[in-house]
Amino acid sequence: MPSPASDVPASRRLALDCHTFLDHRIGKGVCGCCGALRPRYKRLVDNIFPEDPEDGLVKANMEKLTFYALSAPEKLDRIGAYLSERLSRDVTRHRYGYVCIAMEALDQLLMACHCQSINLFVESFLKMVRKLLESDKPSLQILGTNSFVKFANIEEDTPSYHRSYDFFVSRFSEMCHSSYEDPDVRTKIRMAGINGLQGVVRKTVNDELQANIWDPQHMDKIVPSLLFNLQSGEHTESRSPSPLQAEKEKESLVELAERCFRELLGRAAYGNIKNAVTPVLMHLDNHSLWEGKTFAVRCFKIIMYSIQSQHSHLVIQQLLGHLDANSKNSATVRAGIVEVLLEAAAIAASGSVGPTVLEVFNTLLRQLRLSVDYELTGSYDGSASIGTKIIKAHEERQLQEAVIRTIGSFANTLPTYQRSEVMLFIMGKIPVPGIHPALPSSGSGPEGTRMIQVMLLKSLVQVTAGFQTTNMLTALPSSFLEPLLSFFLTEDPEVRLLVLHILLSLIDRHENTPKFSNISIIADISVLKIKVDKCSRQDNLFMKKHGQQLYRHIYLGCKEQSSGRRHYETLFALLGLISVELANEEVVVDLIRLALAFQDLALSTDEALPVFNRCAIHALAAAYLNLICQLTTVPAFCQHIHEVIEVRQKASPYLLPESVFIDNPKLPSSLEKVEGDVLFLQSKITEVLGGSGYNTERLGTPYVPQYTDEDRLSKRKSIGETISLQVEVESRNSPEKEERTPAEEITFESLKNAIVDSVGMEEQERERRRQVVEKFQKAPFEEIAAHCGARATLLQSKLNQIFEITIRPPPSPSGTISSGFGQSQSRSVPIYEMKFPDLCVY
């Protein structure tokens, strides 16, 4: 009813005032005769309202009303309707004191009554709450919200089939975005809105008869409202006269939003995760919050810690899909998504990847390739419209590093067998010149191929970090080790260094790598506290199968002129790890031979190595022989090594690691006279180790690497060279090499002749088939039958010959018979006619 205005007739205003007076004086002695005619429930409701609203609810009369409602539950809906009518009237007349009393009475009735008629009463209650929420008075909005929250915490005994909460979701979401002028009132309204949303979720999430709160139409309102308040606490500054109080209120608002968000996610079932996470992604997109990373990471930390752990992989999959959808967005946005993936994977642990292990890594590797392509081409797809975006190379590099870290984070959550699969998967993605394609884009060229090699090898470094296995044959299968070692022979020093780091991670099972990080002459290696275990049978099998391959690549890696200080330090660590992790007596002998081969390599003048490389190889050999002699614990061997080192310290310090592997090494201009006592003698080492039971024949044989096709394939220039090389190697390595004629050199002319000859053979075969078909079509039947009969007879005779050769009768006691050609022939005798010796018969 509209409030009276000044232009309403005086008689009308008087009637309204009397009506209001009578409403609040029933049962107080005024017009008692009229009051006695009113229904009892109305009288009881009227009696709870005092004359002065500031006095509050009349508790004694409220107890009577509650008792009446419990005694006559069929009247509950009428009580609710009447209270709703009075409240609506008081709101219209701005009698807010009575409004508060009516809501308090409704709350008490709601808490006390749980009968089957509660549904009709709830409808009246929700109607009144809606009336308060529609008001523009903040106090009434907060009052209605508080009543709704109390109602949401009540567990109803009977279901409701027709109740709708769509209005409340919309209204509470609107309150969460309140922009009221007074900051204190604004905070209270927003907090009320968050509490209201929390009440809606609690009331509907477990009630199958209610509208599904997880529908996108509701989630698109609830989730952004919570995130808005979660974010507002990070940016808003206090403008209140009391900064400390304002800070407390701001924190409580943020904490309330986070608590509500956590509760919402904690209630999400498997099928609802997507609807709950999608609005988060859209909110971060719409407000450009990926670039800052901080808030996005915080949101997904809340999500990952709140949802059930078995649903973690669903969030990861959504993030990966969102990353693909933004593949042509700026590098900062993609880096933000990748950073969130990194944090989410660390939280989710083993459940982060889910059933689609390789798909996760495939997506990340695809983003890595795209980023390299974007950096080199300068555009997202080469078109003029999108290519106008400025692609910053340093941002793309930051993205690439983030992707590599994320790949490592995902790999750390996997068990050993799955990590091995991922290693093989990544290895299969690394482009090899002449075999795998370089990049999807043709504009990247050789530089793109090199960058992809580097990035994917860096990813392998992350995946293999901390890799633990008891069986080296499974950790380094041939399908992984061979292509990995092929990259060790490339001319790119960065690629070679990454391969060395991967080998270190895979071989090191006792965290010994840091102990070999500095290449130096250590007088007593016991200070390193190296962990050494007995070499297992699987390790012995691994070294038998792949040992020579490892030695060859280590030797050839030393010959590279582009090798620097870090390469030799990593080579020393690799040799040390092989010595303590995989060494048996045979391996120790081979490693000593390899170290002496290093010395011969440095002395050789055929390789044209720079002075630094020669000195570095001498120093590497000295440092490793010093290590291996102490591991073998043969006193005479140690004495010889230490004597040579002492001579070098006095006469040639540039042949020791302490003088070579420093920032500014002082090296001679040439190494022409390196001889005498500064060299390790193979004969002396063979002699002293032979006395301790080592294989002197093998020790006395200088190590010479066996070159294979793999060594040259790694530096091939074209597919033609590859084919020629493979044919040559097959002819050289064949076991029938002595019986064969030398392999003919394959040239362009020979390939051309082979193609022409094959064309002629095809023509002859086609003509022969035509003649056969024509014969069967035109020849007489008798001729065809005779031809087929002759073939059948020939086949039968051949079969008879085969049977006579392969199926021989058993030796017969009856002896042999003579054939017509003077040859003895075994005569088959039935077993019942055979004559056996008496000793064989019983």
Foldseek 3Di string as FASTA:
>chain_A
DADDDPPPDPVVVVVVVVVVVCLQCAPVPPPVVVSVPDDPLSSLVSVQCHPDLVVAGPVVSLVVNLVVCVVCVVCLLVNLQVLLVVLVVCVNHVVVSVNLRSLVSLLVSLVRDQDPSVVSSVVSLVVSLVVQLPDPDLVSPLSSLVSLLSNLPDDHPDDDQDDACPVLLVSLLVQLVDPDPDPVSSLSSNLSSLSSVLSVCSNPLPHPSYDHCLPLVRLLRNQVSLLVLLVCLVPDADPDPDRVVVNVSSVVSNVSSLVSLLVNQLSDDLVRPCSNCVSVVVSCVVVVVLLVLPSNLVVLVSNLVRHDLLNQQVNLVVLLVVLVVCLQPALSNNLSSLLSLQSSLLSSQQNNNPPPNVVSVVSLLVSLLQLLVCLQVQFNPPDPVRSVDGHDNVSSVSSLVSSLSSLLSNLRSHDQLVLLVNLLVLLVVQDAPAPDDQGPDPRRPPVSSVSSLLSSLSSLLSNLAVRADPALCSLDPPSRPLSLLLQCLDLDQSSVLSSLSNLLSSLDHPPLLVLLQAQFQDQACVVSVDDADDADPNLQVVCVVCVLVVLLSLLSSLLRQPDDLNNLSSSLSSLVSCLRRRDDLVSLLVSLLSLLVLLVVLQDPVSVHAQLSSLSSLQSSLSNQSVSCVVVVQVQSNVLSVQLVVVCVPPPVSNHRVQRNDDDHDTDRDDNDDDDSNHRDLVSNLVSVVVVPHDSVSSNDRDDRDDDLSSVSSVDDHVVVSVQRVVQRCLVPDPCVVVDDHDDRDDPVNVVVVVVVVVVVVVVVVVVVVVVVVCVVPPDPVVVVVVVVVVVVVVVVVVVVVCPVPPDADAAQVDWDADPVRDTDRDDDPPVPGDDDPVVPD
